[in-house]
Amino acid sequence: MAERGFQPLTVAEALTTAGGLLRPGTDVAGVGRYRWSRARRLLRALATARFARLVPADAGAGPEGRADLLRELAP
């Protein structure tokens, strides 16, 4: 999954982060590490308005995304 933009977390990282999310009244919470430019290519829904507040402003397709794509297409 890492090559698709979904980076693994250690158990300690996930539990530490989740500890700050789990509060009374929280209906849904999630913990993850994403390379948004890559993940958007796999899940087009991540580029929609519904996810706009979750995706960092600088996560658009840029030189890194282009370089990643060129590496994938290389023989």
PDB file of N, CA and C in Angstrom:
ATOM      1  N   MET A   1       0.814  -1.194   0.000  1.00  0.00           N
ATOM      2  CA  MET A   1       0.000   0.000   0.000  1.00  0.00           C
ATOM      3  C   MET A   1       0.860   1.262   0.000  1.00  0.00           C
ATOM      4  N   ALA A   2       2.085   1.154   0.506  1.00  0.00           N
ATOM      5  CA  ALA A   2       2.944   2.335   0.569  1.00  0.00           C
ATOM      6  C   ALA A   2       3.188   2.917  -0.817  1.00  0.00           C
ATOM      7  N   GLU A   3       3.340   2.049  -1.810  1.00  0.00           N
ATOM      8  CA  GLU A   3       3.574   2.550  -3.161  1.00  0.00           C
ATOM      9  C   GLU A   3       2.351   3.252  -3.734  1.00  0.00           C
ATOM     10  N   ARG A   4       1.207   3.068  -3.130  1.00  0.00           N
ATOM     11  CA  ARG A   4      -0.026   3.729  -3.569  1.00  0.00           C
ATOM     12  C   ARG A   4      -0.328   4.987  -2.765  1.00  0.00           C
ATOM     13  N   GLY A   5       0.505   5.312  -1.788  1.00  0.00           N
ATOM     14  CA  GLY A   5       0.334   6.538  -1.026  1.00  0.00           C
ATOM     15  C   GLY A   5      -0.156   6.360   0.392  1.00  0.00           C
ATOM     16  N   PHE A   6      -0.363   5.120   0.819  1.00  0.00           N
ATOM     17  CA  PHE A   6      -0.833   4.837   2.167  1.00  0.00           C
ATOM     18  C   PHE A   6       0.327   4.250   2.954  1.00  0.00           C
ATOM     19  N   GLN A   7       0.961   5.075   3.765  1.00  0.00           N
ATOM     20  CA  GLN A   7       2.170   4.692   4.484  1.00  0.00           C
ATOM     21  C   GLN A   7       1.815   3.970   5.784  1.00  0.00           C
ATOM     22  N   PRO A   8       2.549   2.912   6.118  1.00  0.00           N
ATOM     23  CA  PRO A   8       2.265   2.193   7.361  1.00  0.00           C
ATOM     24  C   PRO A   8       2.670   2.996   8.596  1.00  0.00           C
ATOM     25  N   LEU A   9       1.972   2.745   9.678  1.00  0.00           N
ATOM     26  CA  LEU A   9       2.291   3.327  10.982  1.00  0.00           C
ATOM     27  C   LEU A   9       2.716   2.199  11.910  1.00  0.00           C
ATOM     28  N   THR A  10       3.582   2.522  12.846  1.00  0.00           N
ATOM     29  CA  THR A  10       3.877   1.531  13.877  1.00  0.00           C
ATOM     30  C   THR A  10       2.683   1.503  14.839  1.00  0.00           C
ATOM     31  N   VAL A  11       2.601   0.448  15.611  1.00  0.00           N
ATOM     32  CA  VAL A  11       1.526   0.354  16.604  1.00  0.00           C
ATOM     33  C   VAL A  11       1.622   1.519  17.582  1.00  0.00           C
ATOM     34  N   ALA A  12       2.837   1.842  18.005  1.00  0.00           N
ATOM     35  CA  ALA A  12       3.034   2.947  18.955  1.00  0.00           C
ATOM     36  C   ALA A  12       2.556   4.269  18.357  1.00  0.00           C
ATOM     37  N   GLU A  13       2.869   4.532  17.086  1.00  0.00           N
ATOM     38  CA  GLU A  13       2.416   5.773  16.441  1.00  0.00           C
ATOM     39  C   GLU A  13       0.892   5.833  16.377  1.00  0.00           C
ATOM     40  N   ALA A  14       0.283   4.726  15.991  1.00  0.00           N
ATOM     41  CA  ALA A  14      -1.178   4.692  15.873  1.00  0.00           C
ATOM     42  C   ALA A  14      -1.848   4.912  17.227  1.00  0.00           C
ATOM     43  N   LEU A  15      -1.354   4.234  18.268  1.00  0.00           N
ATOM     44  CA  LEU A  15      -1.967   4.376  19.590  1.00  0.00           C
ATOM     45  C   LEU A  15      -1.745   5.760  20.186  1.00  0.00           C
ATOM     46  N   THR A  16      -0.576   6.322  19.977  1.00  0.00           N
ATOM     47  CA  THR A  16      -0.295   7.661  20.484  1.00  0.00           C
ATOM     48  C   THR A  16      -1.223   8.681  19.829  1.00  0.00           C
ATOM     49  N   THR A  17      -1.361   8.587  18.527  1.00  0.00           N
ATOM     50  CA  THR A  17      -2.229   9.517  17.797  1.00  0.00           C
ATOM     51  C   THR A  17      -3.695   9.288  18.152  1.00  0.00           C
ATOM     52  N   ALA A  18      -4.108   8.043  18.192  1.00  0.00           N
ATOM     53  CA  ALA A  18      -5.507   7.730  18.506  1.00  0.00           C
ATOM     54  C   ALA A  18      -5.889   8.207  19.897  1.00  0.00           C
ATOM     55  N   GLY A  19      -4.943   8.178  20.821  1.00  0.00           N
ATOM     56  CA  GLY A  19      -5.224   8.640  22.175  1.00  0.00           C
ATOM     57  C   GLY A  19      -5.704  10.080  22.209  1.00  0.00           C
ATOM     58  N   GLY A  20      -5.206  10.904  21.313  1.00  0.00           N
ATOM     59  CA  GLY A  20      -5.637  12.298  21.242  1.00  0.00           C
ATOM     60  C   GLY A  20      -6.957  12.493  20.519  1.00  0.00           C
ATOM     61  N   LEU A  21      -7.397  11.473  19.793  1.00  0.00           N
ATOM     62  CA  LEU A  21      -8.651  11.580  19.037  1.00  0.00           C
ATOM     63  C   LEU A  21      -9.855  11.065  19.797  1.00  0.00           C
ATOM     64  N   LEU A  22      -9.635  10.126  20.682  1.00  0.00           N
ATOM     65  CA  LEU A  22     -10.741   9.462  21.367  1.00  0.00           C
ATOM     66  C   LEU A  22     -11.212  10.301  22.558  1.00  0.00           C
ATOM     67  N   ARG A  23     -12.271  11.033  22.308  1.00  0.00           N
ATOM     68  CA  ARG A  23     -12.853  11.905  23.334  1.00  0.00           C
ATOM     69  C   ARG A  23     -14.364  11.689  23.365  1.00  0.00           C
ATOM     70  N   PRO A  24     -14.992  11.989  24.468  1.00  0.00           N
ATOM     71  CA  PRO A  24     -16.453  11.868  24.522  1.00  0.00           C
ATOM     72  C   PRO A  24     -17.100  12.672  23.386  1.00  0.00           C
ATOM     73  N   GLY A  25     -18.036  12.068  22.719  1.00  0.00           N
ATOM     74  CA  GLY A  25     -18.749  12.740  21.636  1.00  0.00           C
ATOM     75  C   GLY A  25     -18.129  12.537  20.266  1.00  0.00           C
ATOM     76  N   THR A  26     -16.990  11.884  20.204  1.00  0.00           N
ATOM     77  CA  THR A  26     -16.369  11.609  18.906  1.00  0.00           C
ATOM     78  C   THR A  26     -17.025  10.377  18.316  1.00  0.00           C
ATOM     79  N   ASP A  27     -17.689  10.557  17.184  1.00  0.00           N
ATOM     80  CA  ASP A  27     -18.382   9.437  16.538  1.00  0.00           C
ATOM     81  C   ASP A  27     -17.445   8.600  15.672  1.00  0.00           C
ATOM     82  N   VAL A  28     -16.563   9.269  14.965  1.00  0.00           N
ATOM     83  CA  VAL A  28     -15.667   8.570  14.042  1.00  0.00           C
ATOM     84  C   VAL A  28     -14.286   9.209  14.114  1.00  0.00           C
ATOM     85  N   ALA A  29     -13.246   8.394  14.114  1.00  0.00           N
ATOM     86  CA  ALA A  29     -11.877   8.898  14.097  1.00  0.00           C
ATOM     87  C   ALA A  29     -11.023   7.910  13.321  1.00  0.00           C
ATOM     88  N   GLY A  30      -9.978   8.405  12.736  1.00  0.00           N
ATOM     89  CA  GLY A  30      -9.068   7.535  11.998  1.00  0.00           C
ATOM     90  C   GLY A  30      -7.647   8.060  12.084  1.00  0.00           C
ATOM     91  N   VAL A  31      -6.705   7.159  11.955  1.00  0.00           N
ATOM     92  CA  VAL A  31      -5.295   7.507  12.013  1.00  0.00           C
ATOM     93  C   VAL A  31      -4.638   6.943  10.761  1.00  0.00           C
ATOM     94  N   GLY A  32      -3.865   7.760  10.083  1.00  0.00           N
ATOM     95  CA  GLY A  32      -3.163   7.276   8.904  1.00  0.00           C
ATOM     96  C   GLY A  32      -2.070   8.235   8.485  1.00  0.00           C
ATOM     97  N   ARG A  33      -1.199   7.748   7.640  1.00  0.00           N
ATOM     98  CA  ARG A  33      -0.143   8.579   7.053  1.00  0.00           C
ATOM     99  C   ARG A  33      -0.281   8.407   5.544  1.00  0.00           C
ATOM    100  N   TYR A  34      -0.482   9.529   4.864  1.00  0.00           N
ATOM    101  CA  TYR A  34      -0.787   9.466   3.439  1.00  0.00           C
ATOM    102  C   TYR A  34       0.140  10.345   2.616  1.00  0.00           C
ATOM    103  N   ARG A  35       0.492   9.890   1.473  1.00  0.00           N
ATOM    104  CA  ARG A  35       1.136  10.718   0.459  1.00  0.00           C
ATOM    105  C   ARG A  35       0.002  11.069  -0.488  1.00  0.00           C
ATOM    106  N   TRP A  36      -0.630  12.217  -0.233  1.00  0.00           N
ATOM    107  CA  TRP A  36      -1.877  12.571  -0.888  1.00  0.00           C
ATOM    108  C   TRP A  36      -1.785  12.619  -2.409  1.00  0.00           C
ATOM    109  N   SER A  37      -0.670  13.090  -2.954  1.00  0.00           N
ATOM    110  CA  SER A  37      -0.575  13.160  -4.417  1.00  0.00           C
ATOM    111  C   SER A  37      -0.663  11.764  -5.027  1.00  0.00           C
ATOM    112  N   ARG A  38      -0.110  10.765  -4.371  1.00  0.00           N
ATOM    113  CA  ARG A  38      -0.183   9.391  -4.868  1.00  0.00           C
ATOM    114  C   ARG A  38      -1.544   8.774  -4.567  1.00  0.00           C
ATOM    115  N   ALA A  39      -2.046   8.975  -3.369  1.00  0.00           N
ATOM    116  CA  ALA A  39      -3.331   8.387  -2.980  1.00  0.00           C
ATOM    117  C   ALA A  39      -4.467   8.902  -3.855  1.00  0.00           C
ATOM    118  N   ARG A  40      -4.397  10.165  -4.260  1.00  0.00           N
ATOM    119  CA  ARG A  40      -5.442  10.731  -5.127  1.00  0.00           C
ATOM    120  C   ARG A  40      -5.521  10.031  -6.467  1.00  0.00           C
ATOM    121  N   ARG A  41      -4.385   9.522  -6.946  1.00  0.00           N
ATOM    122  CA  ARG A  41      -4.417   8.801  -8.225  1.00  0.00           C
ATOM    123  C   ARG A  41      -5.141   7.477  -8.087  1.00  0.00           C
ATOM    124  N   LEU A  42      -5.061   6.861  -6.922  1.00  0.00           N
ATOM    125  CA  LEU A  42      -5.726   5.586  -6.692  1.00  0.00           C
ATOM    126  C   LEU A  42      -7.203   5.784  -6.346  1.00  0.00           C
ATOM    127  N   LEU A  43      -7.468   6.735  -5.475  1.00  0.00           N
ATOM    128  CA  LEU A  43      -8.838   7.008  -5.031  1.00  0.00           C
ATOM    129  C   LEU A  43      -9.241   8.415  -5.479  1.00  0.00           C
ATOM    130  N   ARG A  44      -9.849   8.515  -6.615  1.00  0.00           N
ATOM    131  CA  ARG A  44     -10.221   9.817  -7.186  1.00  0.00           C
ATOM    132  C   ARG A  44     -11.131  10.613  -6.248  1.00  0.00           C
ATOM    133  N   ALA A  45     -11.874   9.932  -5.394  1.00  0.00           N
ATOM    134  CA  ALA A  45     -12.770  10.626  -4.469  1.00  0.00           C
ATOM    135  C   ALA A  45     -12.002  11.554  -3.530  1.00  0.00           C
ATOM    136  N   LEU A  46     -10.711  11.288  -3.300  1.00  0.00           N
ATOM    137  CA  LEU A  46      -9.923  12.142  -2.412  1.00  0.00           C
ATOM    138  C   LEU A  46      -9.736  13.544  -2.978  1.00  0.00           C
ATOM    139  N   ALA A  47      -9.994  13.730  -4.260  1.00  0.00           N
ATOM    140  CA  ALA A  47      -9.857  15.046  -4.888  1.00  0.00           C
ATOM    141  C   ALA A  47     -11.182  15.815  -4.883  1.00  0.00           C
ATOM    142  N   THR A  48     -12.232  15.258  -4.285  1.00  0.00           N
ATOM    143  CA  THR A  48     -13.536  15.916  -4.266  1.00  0.00           C
ATOM    144  C   THR A  48     -13.669  16.843  -3.058  1.00  0.00           C
ATOM    145  N   ALA A  49     -14.683  17.681  -3.098  1.00  0.00           N
ATOM    146  CA  ALA A  49     -14.925  18.651  -2.026  1.00  0.00           C
ATOM    147  C   ALA A  49     -15.125  17.971  -0.666  1.00  0.00           C
ATOM    148  N   ARG A  50     -15.655  16.774  -0.679  1.00  0.00           N
ATOM    149  CA  ARG A  50     -15.923  16.065   0.585  1.00  0.00           C
ATOM    150  C   ARG A  50     -14.649  15.892   1.421  1.00  0.00           C
ATOM    151  N   PHE A  51     -13.515  15.722   0.774  1.00  0.00           N
ATOM    152  CA  PHE A  51     -12.252  15.493   1.474  1.00  0.00           C
ATOM    153  C   PHE A  51     -11.369  16.732   1.528  1.00  0.00           C
ATOM    154  N   ALA A  52     -11.840  17.852   1.046  1.00  0.00           N
ATOM    155  CA  ALA A  52     -11.022  19.061   0.939  1.00  0.00           C
ATOM    156  C   ALA A  52     -10.414  19.482   2.276  1.00  0.00           C
ATOM    157  N   ARG A  53     -11.133  19.333   3.370  1.00  0.00           N
ATOM    158  CA  ARG A  53     -10.612  19.753   4.672  1.00  0.00           C
ATOM    159  C   ARG A  53      -9.607  18.762   5.255  1.00  0.00           C
ATOM    160  N   LEU A  54      -9.545  17.553   4.719  1.00  0.00           N
ATOM    161  CA  LEU A  54      -8.604  16.553   5.205  1.00  0.00           C
ATOM    162  C   LEU A  54      -7.266  16.601   4.474  1.00  0.00           C
ATOM    163  N   VAL A  55      -7.314  17.003   3.213  1.00  0.00           N
ATOM    164  CA  VAL A  55      -6.119  16.974   2.372  1.00  0.00           C
ATOM    165  C   VAL A  55      -5.351  18.279   2.521  1.00  0.00           C
ATOM    166  N   PRO A  56      -4.068  18.214   2.828  1.00  0.00           N
ATOM    167  CA  PRO A  56      -3.271  19.435   2.952  1.00  0.00           C
ATOM    168  C   PRO A  56      -3.286  20.247   1.662  1.00  0.00           C
ATOM    169  N   ALA A  57      -3.246  21.562   1.794  1.00  0.00           N
ATOM    170  CA  ALA A  57      -3.303  22.450   0.630  1.00  0.00           C
ATOM    171  C   ALA A  57      -2.148  22.204  -0.338  1.00  0.00           C
ATOM    172  N   ASP A  58      -1.003  21.786   0.173  1.00  0.00           N
ATOM    173  CA  ASP A  58       0.159  21.576  -0.690  1.00  0.00           C
ATOM    174  C   ASP A  58       0.238  20.158  -1.251  1.00  0.00           C
ATOM    175  N   ALA A  59      -0.852  19.403  -1.202  1.00  0.00           N
ATOM    176  CA  ALA A  59      -0.837  18.013  -1.644  1.00  0.00           C
ATOM    177  C   ALA A  59      -1.207  17.847  -3.106  1.00  0.00           C
ATOM    178  N   GLY A  60      -1.297  18.928  -3.835  1.00  0.00           N
ATOM    179  CA  GLY A  60      -1.627  18.819  -5.246  1.00  0.00           C
ATOM    180  C   GLY A  60      -0.545  18.129  -6.032  1.00  0.00           C
ATOM    181  N   ALA A  61      -0.876  17.787  -7.261  1.00  0.00           N
ATOM    182  CA  ALA A  61       0.123  17.155  -8.125  1.00  0.00           C
ATOM    183  C   ALA A  61       1.260  18.136  -8.351  1.00  0.00           C
ATOM    184  N   GLY A  62       2.442  17.739  -8.052  1.00  0.00           N
ATOM    185  CA  GLY A  62       3.602  18.607  -8.208  1.00  0.00           C
ATOM    186  C   GLY A  62       4.768  17.821  -8.753  1.00  0.00           C
ATOM    187  N   PRO A  63       5.946  18.369  -8.651  1.00  0.00           N
ATOM    188  CA  PRO A  63       7.125  17.684  -9.180  1.00  0.00           C
ATOM    189  C   PRO A  63       7.316  16.289  -8.585  1.00  0.00           C
ATOM    190  N   GLU A  64       7.022  16.130  -7.292  1.00  0.00           N
ATOM    191  CA  GLU A  64       7.178  14.812  -6.679  1.00  0.00           C
ATOM    192  C   GLU A  64       6.217  13.811  -7.312  1.00  0.00           C
ATOM    193  N   GLY A  65       4.971  14.218  -7.500  1.00  0.00           N
ATOM    194  CA  GLY A  65       3.991  13.344  -8.133  1.00  0.00           C
ATOM    195  C   GLY A  65       4.416  12.958  -9.544  1.00  0.00           C
ATOM    196  N   ARG A  66       4.953  13.914 -10.283  1.00  0.00           N
ATOM    197  CA  ARG A  66       5.423  13.644 -11.645  1.00  0.00           C
ATOM    198  C   ARG A  66       6.601  12.680 -11.608  1.00  0.00           C
ATOM    199  N   ALA A  67       7.542  12.895 -10.694  1.00  0.00           N
ATOM    200  CA  ALA A  67       8.696  12.017 -10.581  1.00  0.00           C
ATOM    201  C   ALA A  67       8.262  10.593 -10.217  1.00  0.00           C
ATOM    202  N   ASP A  68       7.306  10.473  -9.310  1.00  0.00           N
ATOM    203  CA  ASP A  68       6.798   9.153  -8.930  1.00  0.00           C
ATOM    204  C   ASP A  68       6.179   8.451 -10.132  1.00  0.00           C
ATOM    205  N   LEU A  69       5.397   9.179 -10.889  1.00  0.00           N
ATOM    206  CA  LEU A  69       4.744   8.598 -12.056  1.00  0.00           C
ATOM    207  C   LEU A  69       5.781   8.151 -13.087  1.00  0.00           C
ATOM    208  N   LEU A  70       6.784   8.973 -13.326  1.00  0.00           N
ATOM    209  CA  LEU A  70       7.830   8.592 -14.276  1.00  0.00           C
ATOM    210  C   LEU A  70       8.581   7.347 -13.828  1.00  0.00           C
ATOM    211  N   ARG A  71       8.833   7.221 -12.514  1.00  0.00           N
ATOM    212  CA  ARG A  71       9.494   6.012 -11.992  1.00  0.00           C
ATOM    213  C   ARG A  71       8.630   4.780 -12.218  1.00  0.00           C
ATOM    214  N   GLU A  72       7.313   4.918 -12.019  1.00  0.00           N
ATOM    215  CA  GLU A  72       6.403   3.790 -12.217  1.00  0.00           C
ATOM    216  C   GLU A  72       6.379   3.356 -13.667  1.00  0.00           C
ATOM    217  N   LEU A  73       6.476   4.302 -14.586  1.00  0.00           N
ATOM    218  CA  LEU A  73       6.367   3.995 -16.006  1.00  0.00           C
ATOM    219  C   LEU A  73       7.694   3.543 -16.622  1.00  0.00           C
ATOM    220  N   ALA A  74       8.778   3.750 -15.910  1.00  0.00           N
ATOM    221  CA  ALA A  74      10.097   3.379 -16.436  1.00  0.00           C
ATOM    222  C   ALA A  74      10.197   1.872 -16.605  1.00  0.00           C
ATOM    223  N   PRO A  75      10.901   1.431 -17.660  1.00  0.00           N
ATOM    224  CA  PRO A  75      11.045  -0.034 -17.888  1.00  0.00           C
ATOM    225  C   PRO A  75      11.887  -0.705 -16.837  1.00  0.00           C
TER     226      PRO A  75
END
